[in-house]
Each structure stands twice: as structure tokens, then as C-alpha cells.
């Protein structure tokens, strides 16, 4: 079953983050709060959108529960979560 989670970019360094149940932000997708699509997902997005001092551009993404945790459904989000794709010496792929 596809669920919704909220993602954004952290304001101070641009890192991809996910809204948690405690209304904080985590770099780990498995920490993300999730909700069924519809009003519950919209409510989750409103909670994330109120944190305009910590993040920029929050929006809903599709996730699915798998044996090893949450997985992103959309290829764009998979690439975005991996870090910059133009330079392999920067971001998560460089081990930073």
C-alpha cells in the first residue's frame, strides 16, 4: 500500500530531510511520519509547512513499507535522496 510522507530540504545546508512523528526533521527515510493519502496526508504536510525556519519546499512523496523499512516509489526522489548527481566527490555518494 502506498503511503505519503513529507520531504523538504534543510535550510542551512540543503540536505534532503523527512518530517518525523515528533514534528522534527530526519535525514533517514525510516524516521518519516507517514499517512494514507487524502486528508491525513494533507494534515501531515501542513505540519511540515509550518516549520519555515528549518526547511524549504516541503511536499508530499509516495513511500511503501518493505521488509527493510520504507522505500521511495518515485525515481526522482530516489535520486534526490542520494545527493547531488553532478559530482561524485560531493554529498552522500562521497561519504560526507
C-alpha atoms as a PDB file:
ATOM      1  CA  UNK A   1       0.000   0.000   0.000  1.00  0.00           C
ATOM      2  CA  UNK A   2       1.358   3.389  -0.970  1.00  0.00           C
ATOM      3  CA  UNK A   3       1.528   5.966   1.806  1.00  0.00           C
ATOM      4  CA  UNK A   4       2.510   9.625   1.912  1.00  0.00           C
ATOM      5  CA  UNK A   5       5.413  11.241   3.762  1.00  0.00           C
ATOM      6  CA  UNK A   6       6.701  14.816   3.789  1.00  0.00           C
ATOM      7  CA  UNK A   7      10.121  15.743   2.443  1.00  0.00           C
ATOM      8  CA  UNK A   8      11.951  19.061   2.205  1.00  0.00           C
ATOM      9  CA  UNK A   9      15.458  20.469   2.081  1.00  0.00           C
ATOM     10  CA  UNK A  10      17.103  21.631   5.277  1.00  0.00           C
ATOM     11  CA  UNK A  11      17.541  25.388   5.056  1.00  0.00           C
ATOM     12  CA  UNK A  12      21.101  25.670   6.360  1.00  0.00           C
ATOM     13  CA  UNK A  13      22.758  23.017   4.149  1.00  0.00           C
ATOM     14  CA  UNK A  14      20.212  21.836   1.555  1.00  0.00           C
ATOM     15  CA  UNK A  15      20.224  18.200   2.699  1.00  0.00           C
ATOM     16  CA  UNK A  16      17.081  16.158   1.971  1.00  0.00           C
ATOM     17  CA  UNK A  17      15.079  15.568   5.160  1.00  0.00           C
ATOM     18  CA  UNK A  18      11.828  13.856   6.143  1.00  0.00           C
ATOM     19  CA  UNK A  19       9.209  15.013   8.655  1.00  0.00           C
ATOM     20  CA  UNK A  20       9.079  12.786  11.753  1.00  0.00           C
ATOM     21  CA  UNK A  21       6.166  11.914  14.047  1.00  0.00           C
ATOM     22  CA  UNK A  22       7.607  14.341  16.621  1.00  0.00           C
ATOM     23  CA  UNK A  23       7.390  17.163  14.017  1.00  0.00           C
ATOM     24  CA  UNK A  24      11.169  17.243  13.654  1.00  0.00           C
ATOM     25  CA  UNK A  25      13.267  16.501  10.583  1.00  0.00           C
ATOM     26  CA  UNK A  26      15.478  13.489   9.892  1.00  0.00           C
ATOM     27  CA  UNK A  27      17.849  12.559   7.074  1.00  0.00           C
ATOM     28  CA  UNK A  28      16.699   8.942   7.480  1.00  0.00           C
ATOM     29  CA  UNK A  29      13.625   7.975   5.460  1.00  0.00           C
ATOM     30  CA  UNK A  30      12.710   5.294   8.006  1.00  0.00           C
ATOM     31  CA  UNK A  31      12.156   8.036  10.611  1.00  0.00           C
ATOM     32  CA  UNK A  32       9.484   9.662   8.433  1.00  0.00           C
ATOM     33  CA  UNK A  33       5.921  10.057   9.645  1.00  0.00           C
ATOM     34  CA  UNK A  34       3.533   8.550   7.157  1.00  0.00           C
ATOM     35  CA  UNK A  35      -0.160   8.787   6.435  1.00  0.00           C
ATOM     36  CA  UNK A  36      -2.717   7.494   3.998  1.00  0.00           C
ATOM     37  CA  UNK A  37      -3.353   9.735   1.020  1.00  0.00           C
ATOM     38  CA  UNK A  38      -6.081  12.319   1.464  1.00  0.00           C
ATOM     39  CA  UNK A  39      -6.902  14.450   4.498  1.00  0.00           C
ATOM     40  CA  UNK A  40      -4.384  12.694   6.775  1.00  0.00           C
ATOM     41  CA  UNK A  41      -1.564  13.353   4.297  1.00  0.00           C
ATOM     42  CA  UNK A  42      -2.665  16.966   3.863  1.00  0.00           C
ATOM     43  CA  UNK A  43      -2.574  17.388   7.639  1.00  0.00           C
ATOM     44  CA  UNK A  44       0.959  15.977   7.720  1.00  0.00           C
ATOM     45  CA  UNK A  45       2.035  18.424   5.003  1.00  0.00           C
ATOM     46  CA  UNK A  46       0.525  21.351   6.916  1.00  0.00           C
ATOM     47  CA  UNK A  47       2.556  20.334   9.973  1.00  0.00           C
ATOM     48  CA  UNK A  48       5.764  20.285   7.902  1.00  0.00           C
ATOM     49  CA  UNK A  49       4.962  23.538   6.126  1.00  0.00           C
ATOM     50  CA  UNK A  50       4.761  25.397   9.429  1.00  0.00           C
ATOM     51  CA  UNK A  51       8.487  24.869  10.020  1.00  0.00           C
ATOM     52  CA  UNK A  52       9.656  27.532   7.569  1.00  0.00           C
ATOM     53  CA  UNK A  53      12.711  28.428   9.693  1.00  0.00           C
ATOM     54  CA  UNK A  54      14.232  24.943   9.395  1.00  0.00           C
ATOM     55  CA  UNK A  55      13.315  23.724   5.897  1.00  0.00           C
ATOM     56  CA  UNK A  56      12.381  24.938   2.464  1.00  0.00           C
ATOM     57  CA  UNK A  57       9.882  23.499  -0.005  1.00  0.00           C
ATOM     58  CA  UNK A  58       8.097  20.734   1.923  1.00  0.00           C
ATOM     59  CA  UNK A  59       5.903  18.472  -0.199  1.00  0.00           C
ATOM     60  CA  UNK A  60       4.277  15.038  -0.110  1.00  0.00           C
ATOM     61  CA  UNK A  61       6.020  11.987  -1.543  1.00  0.00           C
ATOM     62  CA  UNK A  62       4.905   8.395  -2.035  1.00  0.00           C
ATOM     63  CA  UNK A  63       6.511   5.681   0.085  1.00  0.00           C
ATOM     64  CA  UNK A  64       5.841   1.978   0.618  1.00  0.00           C
ATOM     65  CA  UNK A  65       6.644  -0.238   3.574  1.00  0.00           C
ATOM     66  CA  UNK A  66       9.048  -3.045   2.728  1.00  0.00           C
ATOM     67  CA  UNK A  67      10.818  -5.731   4.751  1.00  0.00           C
ATOM     68  CA  UNK A  68      13.843  -3.477   5.246  1.00  0.00           C
ATOM     69  CA  UNK A  69      11.892  -0.282   6.016  1.00  0.00           C
ATOM     70  CA  UNK A  70      10.371   2.475   3.934  1.00  0.00           C
ATOM     71  CA  UNK A  71      11.188   2.752   0.249  1.00  0.00           C
ATOM     72  CA  UNK A  72      10.690   5.641  -2.131  1.00  0.00           C
ATOM     73  CA  UNK A  73       8.337   4.986  -5.043  1.00  0.00           C
ATOM     74  CA  UNK A  74       9.432   7.729  -7.431  1.00  0.00           C
ATOM     75  CA  UNK A  75      12.807   7.592  -9.210  1.00  0.00           C
ATOM     76  CA  UNK A  76      13.191  11.367  -8.823  1.00  0.00           C
ATOM     77  CA  UNK A  77      13.005  11.030  -5.047  1.00  0.00           C
ATOM     78  CA  UNK A  78      15.480   8.142  -5.069  1.00  0.00           C
ATOM     79  CA  UNK A  79      17.987  10.280  -6.976  1.00  0.00           C
ATOM     80  CA  UNK A  80      17.285  13.323  -4.785  1.00  0.00           C
ATOM     81  CA  UNK A  81      17.840  11.305  -1.598  1.00  0.00           C
ATOM     82  CA  UNK A  82      21.220  10.082  -2.882  1.00  0.00           C
ATOM     83  CA  UNK A  83      22.594  13.618  -3.082  1.00  0.00           C
ATOM     84  CA  UNK A  84      23.987  15.681  -5.946  1.00  0.00           C
ATOM     85  CA  UNK A  85      24.206  13.731  -9.195  1.00  0.00           C
ATOM     86  CA  UNK A  86      26.642  16.017 -10.981  1.00  0.00           C
ATOM     87  CA  UNK A  87      29.693  15.465  -8.774  1.00  0.00           C
ATOM     88  CA  UNK A  88      30.522  12.181  -7.109  1.00  0.00           C
ATOM     89  CA  UNK A  89      33.037  13.866  -4.813  1.00  0.00           C
ATOM     90  CA  UNK A  90      30.239  15.742  -3.009  1.00  0.00           C
ATOM     91  CA  UNK A  91      27.249  14.658  -0.977  1.00  0.00           C
ATOM     92  CA  UNK A  92      26.309  11.232   0.320  1.00  0.00           C
ATOM     93  CA  UNK A  93      27.981   9.358  -2.509  1.00  0.00           C
ATOM     94  CA  UNK A  94      31.340  10.799  -1.375  1.00  0.00           C
ATOM     95  CA  UNK A  95      30.783   9.650   2.195  1.00  0.00           C
ATOM     96  CA  UNK A  96      30.389  13.218   3.518  1.00  0.00           C
END
